Amino acid sequence: MELGIANTIGVKQFGGGVVDNEMNRWFSDHPDLEILDIKYAASSTPEDWAVDALIIYRKGPKTNILW
């Protein structure tokens, strides 16, 4: 199966409690990635809560491709 440009897309998931420190560390460790989108979700119950983040990025160095 030919993926075309989709094979250059990657995702990184963060979940649990507070995710901002983990995300910032990951951004610092991968400064050359082109971030395409970040999706957030939050959920809670009377006893607990959780935040999840999904980072969608282009693998490899940043490009100047305009779609």
PDB file of N, CA and C in Angstrom:
ATOM      1  N   MET A   1       0.851  -1.184   0.000  1.00  0.00           N
ATOM      2  CA  MET A   1       0.000   0.000   0.000  1.00  0.00           C
ATOM      3  C   MET A   1       0.889   1.237   0.000  1.00  0.00           C
ATOM      4  N   GLU A   2       0.638   2.122  -0.903  1.00  0.00           N
ATOM      5  CA  GLU A   2       1.393   3.374  -1.031  1.00  0.00           C
ATOM      6  C   GLU A   2       0.780   4.427  -0.106  1.00  0.00           C
ATOM      7  N   LEU A   3       1.590   4.959   0.819  1.00  0.00           N
ATOM      8  CA  LEU A   3       1.088   5.971   1.746  1.00  0.00           C
ATOM      9  C   LEU A   3       1.285   7.382   1.224  1.00  0.00           C
ATOM     10  N   GLY A   4       2.159   7.574   0.256  1.00  0.00           N
ATOM     11  CA  GLY A   4       2.405   8.921  -0.251  1.00  0.00           C
ATOM     12  C   GLY A   4       2.931   9.816   0.846  1.00  0.00           C
ATOM     13  N   ILE A   5       2.389  11.006   0.939  1.00  0.00           N
ATOM     14  CA  ILE A   5       2.877  11.973   1.919  1.00  0.00           C
ATOM     15  C   ILE A   5       2.487  11.591   3.345  1.00  0.00           C
ATOM     16  N   ALA A   6       1.511  10.704   3.527  1.00  0.00           N
ATOM     17  CA  ALA A   6       1.097  10.301   4.878  1.00  0.00           C
ATOM     18  C   ALA A   6       2.229   9.608   5.637  1.00  0.00           C
ATOM     19  N   ASN A   7       3.187   9.027   4.932  1.00  0.00           N
ATOM     20  CA  ASN A   7       4.282   8.358   5.645  1.00  0.00           C
ATOM     21  C   ASN A   7       5.232   9.343   6.305  1.00  0.00           C
ATOM     22  N   THR A   8       5.054  10.639   6.080  1.00  0.00           N
ATOM     23  CA  THR A   8       5.892  11.642   6.736  1.00  0.00           C
ATOM     24  C   THR A   8       5.232  12.205   7.988  1.00  0.00           C
ATOM     25  N   ILE A   9       4.048  11.716   8.348  1.00  0.00           N
ATOM     26  CA  ILE A   9       3.299  12.216   9.499  1.00  0.00           C
ATOM     27  C   ILE A   9       3.511  11.284  10.685  1.00  0.00           C
ATOM     28  N   GLY A  10       3.762  11.866  11.846  1.00  0.00           N
ATOM     29  CA  GLY A  10       3.912  11.096  13.077  1.00  0.00           C
ATOM     30  C   GLY A  10       3.023  11.671  14.160  1.00  0.00           C
ATOM     31  N   VAL A  11       2.793  10.896  15.201  1.00  0.00           N
ATOM     32  CA  VAL A  11       2.003  11.364  16.341  1.00  0.00           C
ATOM     33  C   VAL A  11       2.730  11.011  17.632  1.00  0.00           C
ATOM     34  N   LYS A  12       2.522  11.816  18.645  1.00  0.00           N
ATOM     35  CA  LYS A  12       3.044  11.574  19.981  1.00  0.00           C
ATOM     36  C   LYS A  12       1.904  11.840  20.951  1.00  0.00           C
ATOM     37  N   GLN A  13       1.636  10.877  21.831  1.00  0.00           N
ATOM     38  CA  GLN A  13       0.535  11.003  22.774  1.00  0.00           C
ATOM     39  C   GLN A  13       1.058  11.197  24.193  1.00  0.00           C
ATOM     40  N   PHE A  14       0.423  12.100  24.914  1.00  0.00           N
ATOM     41  CA  PHE A  14       0.710  12.336  26.324  1.00  0.00           C
ATOM     42  C   PHE A  14      -0.607  12.175  27.069  1.00  0.00           C
ATOM     43  N   GLY A  15      -0.567  11.565  28.231  1.00  0.00           N
ATOM     44  CA  GLY A  15      -1.809  11.378  28.963  1.00  0.00           C
ATOM     45  C   GLY A  15      -1.593  11.255  30.448  1.00  0.00           C
ATOM     46  N   GLY A  16      -2.684  11.390  31.153  1.00  0.00           N
ATOM     47  CA  GLY A  16      -2.648  11.277  32.604  1.00  0.00           C
ATOM     48  C   GLY A  16      -3.073  12.570  33.246  1.00  0.00           C
ATOM     49  N   GLY A  17      -2.277  13.033  34.171  1.00  0.00           N
ATOM     50  CA  GLY A  17      -2.585  14.272  34.883  1.00  0.00           C
ATOM     51  C   GLY A  17      -2.149  15.489  34.091  1.00  0.00           C
ATOM     52  N   VAL A  18      -1.267  16.264  34.661  1.00  0.00           N
ATOM     53  CA  VAL A  18      -0.767  17.477  34.005  1.00  0.00           C
ATOM     54  C   VAL A  18       0.272  17.056  32.967  1.00  0.00           C
ATOM     55  N   VAL A  19       0.061  17.443  31.708  1.00  0.00           N
ATOM     56  CA  VAL A  19       0.937  16.995  30.623  1.00  0.00           C
ATOM     57  C   VAL A  19       1.851  18.084  30.099  1.00  0.00           C
ATOM     58  N   ASP A  20       1.721  19.321  30.578  1.00  0.00           N
ATOM     59  CA  ASP A  20       2.487  20.417  29.981  1.00  0.00           C
ATOM     60  C   ASP A  20       3.994  20.260  30.161  1.00  0.00           C
ATOM     61  N   ASN A  21       4.463  19.785  31.307  1.00  0.00           N
ATOM     62  CA  ASN A  21       5.915  19.618  31.496  1.00  0.00           C
ATOM     63  C   ASN A  21       6.468  18.543  30.565  1.00  0.00           C
ATOM     64  N   GLU A  22       5.744  17.440  30.421  1.00  0.00           N
ATOM     65  CA  GLU A  22       6.171  16.380  29.512  1.00  0.00           C
ATOM     66  C   GLU A  22       6.214  16.881  28.075  1.00  0.00           C
ATOM     67  N   MET A  23       5.186  17.632  27.684  1.00  0.00           N
ATOM     68  CA  MET A  23       5.130  18.154  26.318  1.00  0.00           C
ATOM     69  C   MET A  23       6.266  19.134  26.070  1.00  0.00           C
ATOM     70  N   ASN A  24       6.519  20.037  26.995  1.00  0.00           N
ATOM     71  CA  ASN A  24       7.596  21.019  26.821  1.00  0.00           C
ATOM     72  C   ASN A  24       8.954  20.339  26.721  1.00  0.00           C
ATOM     73  N   ARG A  25       9.165  19.294  27.511  1.00  0.00           N
ATOM     74  CA  ARG A  25      10.420  18.544  27.436  1.00  0.00           C
ATOM     75  C   ARG A  25      10.557  17.891  26.065  1.00  0.00           C
ATOM     76  N   TRP A  26       9.467  17.311  25.575  1.00  0.00           N
ATOM     77  CA  TRP A  26       9.493  16.655  24.268  1.00  0.00           C
ATOM     78  C   TRP A  26       9.766  17.673  23.161  1.00  0.00           C
ATOM     79  N   PHE A  27       9.126  18.853  23.237  1.00  0.00           N
ATOM     80  CA  PHE A  27       9.393  19.917  22.254  1.00  0.00           C
ATOM     81  C   PHE A  27      10.863  20.309  22.281  1.00  0.00           C
ATOM     82  N   SER A  28      11.441  20.436  23.469  1.00  0.00           N
ATOM     83  CA  SER A  28      12.855  20.808  23.597  1.00  0.00           C
ATOM     84  C   SER A  28      13.771  19.741  23.004  1.00  0.00           C
ATOM     85  N   ASP A  29      13.380  18.476  23.170  1.00  0.00           N
ATOM     86  CA  ASP A  29      14.187  17.374  22.642  1.00  0.00           C
ATOM     87  C   ASP A  29      14.059  17.200  21.135  1.00  0.00           C
ATOM     88  N   HIS A  30      13.018  17.795  20.533  1.00  0.00           N
ATOM     89  CA  HIS A  30      12.754  17.645  19.093  1.00  0.00           C
ATOM     90  C   HIS A  30      12.478  19.007  18.443  1.00  0.00           C
ATOM     91  N   PRO A  31      13.441  19.936  18.488  1.00  0.00           N
ATOM     92  CA  PRO A  31      13.187  21.293  17.996  1.00  0.00           C
ATOM     93  C   PRO A  31      13.024  21.390  16.485  1.00  0.00           C
ATOM     94  N   ASP A  32      13.474  20.392  15.731  1.00  0.00           N
ATOM     95  CA  ASP A  32      13.410  20.481  14.275  1.00  0.00           C
ATOM     96  C   ASP A  32      12.128  19.924  13.679  1.00  0.00           C
ATOM     97  N   LEU A  33      11.260  19.348  14.512  1.00  0.00           N
ATOM     98  CA  LEU A  33      10.011  18.798  13.973  1.00  0.00           C
ATOM     99  C   LEU A  33       9.031  19.912  13.656  1.00  0.00           C
ATOM    100  N   GLU A  34       8.271  19.700  12.621  1.00  0.00           N
ATOM    101  CA  GLU A  34       7.225  20.651  12.241  1.00  0.00           C
ATOM    102  C   GLU A  34       5.916  20.187  12.874  1.00  0.00           C
ATOM    103  N   ILE A  35       5.427  20.947  13.857  1.00  0.00           N
ATOM    104  CA  ILE A  35       4.180  20.608  14.535  1.00  0.00           C
ATOM    105  C   ILE A  35       3.021  21.034  13.636  1.00  0.00           C
ATOM    106  N   LEU A  36       2.157  20.089  13.301  1.00  0.00           N
ATOM    107  CA  LEU A  36       1.014  20.368  12.440  1.00  0.00           C
ATOM    108  C   LEU A  36      -0.237  20.699  13.236  1.00  0.00           C
ATOM    109  N   ASP A  37      -0.432  20.012  14.371  1.00  0.00           N
ATOM    110  CA  ASP A  37      -1.639  20.232  15.166  1.00  0.00           C
ATOM    111  C   ASP A  37      -1.437  19.606  16.542  1.00  0.00           C
ATOM    112  N   ILE A  38      -2.175  20.115  17.513  1.00  0.00           N
ATOM    113  CA  ILE A  38      -2.208  19.527  18.844  1.00  0.00           C
ATOM    114  C   ILE A  38      -3.668  19.402  19.244  1.00  0.00           C
ATOM    115  N   LYS A  39      -4.062  18.202  19.633  1.00  0.00           N
ATOM    116  CA  LYS A  39      -5.434  17.928  20.067  1.00  0.00           C
ATOM    117  C   LYS A  39      -5.417  17.658  21.562  1.00  0.00           C
ATOM    118  N   TYR A  40      -6.343  18.274  22.279  1.00  0.00           N
ATOM    119  CA  TYR A  40      -6.462  18.078  23.713  1.00  0.00           C
ATOM    120  C   TYR A  40      -7.804  17.449  24.049  1.00  0.00           C
ATOM    121  N   ALA A  41      -7.820  16.650  25.100  1.00  0.00           N
ATOM    122  CA  ALA A  41      -9.061  16.102  25.628  1.00  0.00           C
ATOM    123  C   ALA A  41      -8.941  16.076  27.146  1.00  0.00           C
ATOM    124  N   ALA A  42     -10.029  16.392  27.818  1.00  0.00           N
ATOM    125  CA  ALA A  42     -10.055  16.341  29.275  1.00  0.00           C
ATOM    126  C   ALA A  42     -11.297  15.575  29.703  1.00  0.00           C
ATOM    127  N   SER A  43     -11.140  14.820  30.762  1.00  0.00           N
ATOM    128  CA  SER A  43     -12.277  14.074  31.293  1.00  0.00           C
ATOM    129  C   SER A  43     -12.186  14.048  32.807  1.00  0.00           C
ATOM    130  N   SER A  44     -13.342  13.856  33.431  1.00  0.00           N
ATOM    131  CA  SER A  44     -13.336  13.800  34.889  1.00  0.00           C
ATOM    132  C   SER A  44     -14.483  12.935  35.384  1.00  0.00           C
ATOM    133  N   THR A  45     -14.275  12.431  36.560  1.00  0.00           N
ATOM    134  CA  THR A  45     -15.299  11.730  37.319  1.00  0.00           C
ATOM    135  C   THR A  45     -15.320  12.386  38.695  1.00  0.00           C
ATOM    136  N   PRO A  46     -16.265  12.047  39.528  1.00  0.00           N
ATOM    137  CA  PRO A  46     -16.254  12.639  40.869  1.00  0.00           C
ATOM    138  C   PRO A  46     -14.965  12.333  41.653  1.00  0.00           C
ATOM    139  N   GLU A  47     -14.288  11.247  41.310  1.00  0.00           N
ATOM    140  CA  GLU A  47     -13.091  10.862  42.039  1.00  0.00           C
ATOM    141  C   GLU A  47     -11.779  11.231  41.364  1.00  0.00           C
ATOM    142  N   ASP A  48     -11.777  11.508  40.062  1.00  0.00           N
ATOM    143  CA  ASP A  48     -10.514  11.649  39.343  1.00  0.00           C
ATOM    144  C   ASP A  48     -10.690  12.542  38.121  1.00  0.00           C
ATOM    145  N   TRP A  49      -9.568  12.930  37.510  1.00  0.00           N
ATOM    146  CA  TRP A  49      -9.582  13.699  36.267  1.00  0.00           C
ATOM    147  C   TRP A  49      -8.370  13.307  35.440  1.00  0.00           C
ATOM    148  N   ALA A  50      -8.415  13.607  34.154  1.00  0.00           N
ATOM    149  CA  ALA A  50      -7.302  13.284  33.262  1.00  0.00           C
ATOM    150  C   ALA A  50      -7.270  14.261  32.100  1.00  0.00           C
ATOM    151  N   VAL A  51      -6.079  14.506  31.617  1.00  0.00           N
ATOM    152  CA  VAL A  51      -5.878  15.329  30.423  1.00  0.00           C
ATOM    153  C   VAL A  51      -5.027  14.515  29.459  1.00  0.00           C
ATOM    154  N   ASP A  52      -5.416  14.527  28.198  1.00  0.00           N
ATOM    155  CA  ASP A  52      -4.649  13.850  27.157  1.00  0.00           C
ATOM    156  C   ASP A  52      -4.328  14.854  26.063  1.00  0.00           C
ATOM    157  N   ALA A  53      -3.176  14.672  25.450  1.00  0.00           N
ATOM    158  CA  ALA A  53      -2.782  15.516  24.323  1.00  0.00           C
ATOM    159  C   ALA A  53      -2.202  14.624  23.240  1.00  0.00           C
ATOM    160  N   LEU A  54      -2.534  14.947  22.007  1.00  0.00           N
ATOM    161  CA  LEU A  54      -2.003  14.235  20.851  1.00  0.00           C
ATOM    162  C   LEU A  54      -1.328  15.265  19.960  1.00  0.00           C
ATOM    163  N   ILE A  55      -0.033  15.116  19.747  1.00  0.00           N
ATOM    164  CA  ILE A  55       0.716  16.027  18.888  1.00  0.00           C
ATOM    165  C   ILE A  55       0.881  15.358  17.532  1.00  0.00           C
ATOM    166  N   ILE A  56       0.476  16.053  16.493  1.00  0.00           N
ATOM    167  CA  ILE A  56       0.610  15.568  15.120  1.00  0.00           C
ATOM    168  C   ILE A  56       1.732  16.378  14.482  1.00  0.00           C
ATOM    169  N   TYR A  57       2.729  15.681  13.963  1.00  0.00           N
ATOM    170  CA  TYR A  57       3.897  16.379  13.445  1.00  0.00           C
ATOM    171  C   TYR A  57       4.393  15.733  12.153  1.00  0.00           C
ATOM    172  N   ARG A  58       5.188  16.505  11.412  1.00  0.00           N
ATOM    173  CA  ARG A  58       5.816  15.997  10.202  1.00  0.00           C
ATOM    174  C   ARG A  58       7.197  15.473  10.579  1.00  0.00           C
ATOM    175  N   LYS A  59       7.472  14.234  10.194  1.00  0.00           N
ATOM    176  CA  LYS A  59       8.776  13.628  10.476  1.00  0.00           C
ATOM    177  C   LYS A  59       9.839  14.301   9.617  1.00  0.00           C
ATOM    178  N   GLY A  60      11.045  14.393  10.144  1.00  0.00           N
ATOM    179  CA  GLY A  60      12.135  14.998   9.393  1.00  0.00           C
ATOM    180  C   GLY A  60      12.186  16.489   9.626  1.00  0.00           C
ATOM    181  N   PRO A  61      13.072  17.168   8.914  1.00  0.00           N
ATOM    182  CA  PRO A  61      13.245  18.611   9.120  1.00  0.00           C
ATOM    183  C   PRO A  61      12.039  19.403   8.617  1.00  0.00           C
ATOM    184  N   LYS A  62      11.932  20.619   9.135  1.00  0.00           N
ATOM    185  CA  LYS A  62      10.849  21.508   8.705  1.00  0.00           C
ATOM    186  C   LYS A  62      10.968  21.794   7.218  1.00  0.00           C
ATOM    187  N   THR A  63       9.812  21.950   6.582  1.00  0.00           N
ATOM    188  CA  THR A  63       9.787  22.259   5.155  1.00  0.00           C
ATOM    189  C   THR A  63       8.983  23.519   4.927  1.00  0.00           C
ATOM    190  N   ASN A  64       9.120  24.075   3.757  1.00  0.00           N
ATOM    191  CA  ASN A  64       8.353  25.254   3.387  1.00  0.00           C
ATOM    192  C   ASN A  64       7.297  24.915   2.336  1.00  0.00           C
ATOM    193  N   ILE A  65       6.790  23.690   2.394  1.00  0.00           N
ATOM    194  CA  ILE A  65       5.767  23.262   1.428  1.00  0.00           C
ATOM    195  C   ILE A  65       4.439  23.921   1.787  1.00  0.00           C
ATOM    196  N   LEU A  66       3.820  24.522   0.800  1.00  0.00           N
ATOM    197  CA  LEU A  66       2.487  25.115   0.990  1.00  0.00           C
ATOM    198  C   LEU A  66       1.469  24.227   0.286  1.00  0.00           C
ATOM    199  N   TRP A  67       0.428  23.863   0.995  1.00  0.00           N
ATOM    200  CA  TRP A  67      -0.603  22.977   0.414  1.00  0.00           C
ATOM    201  C   TRP A  67      -1.742  23.790  -0.093  1.00  0.00           C
TER     202      TRP A  67
END
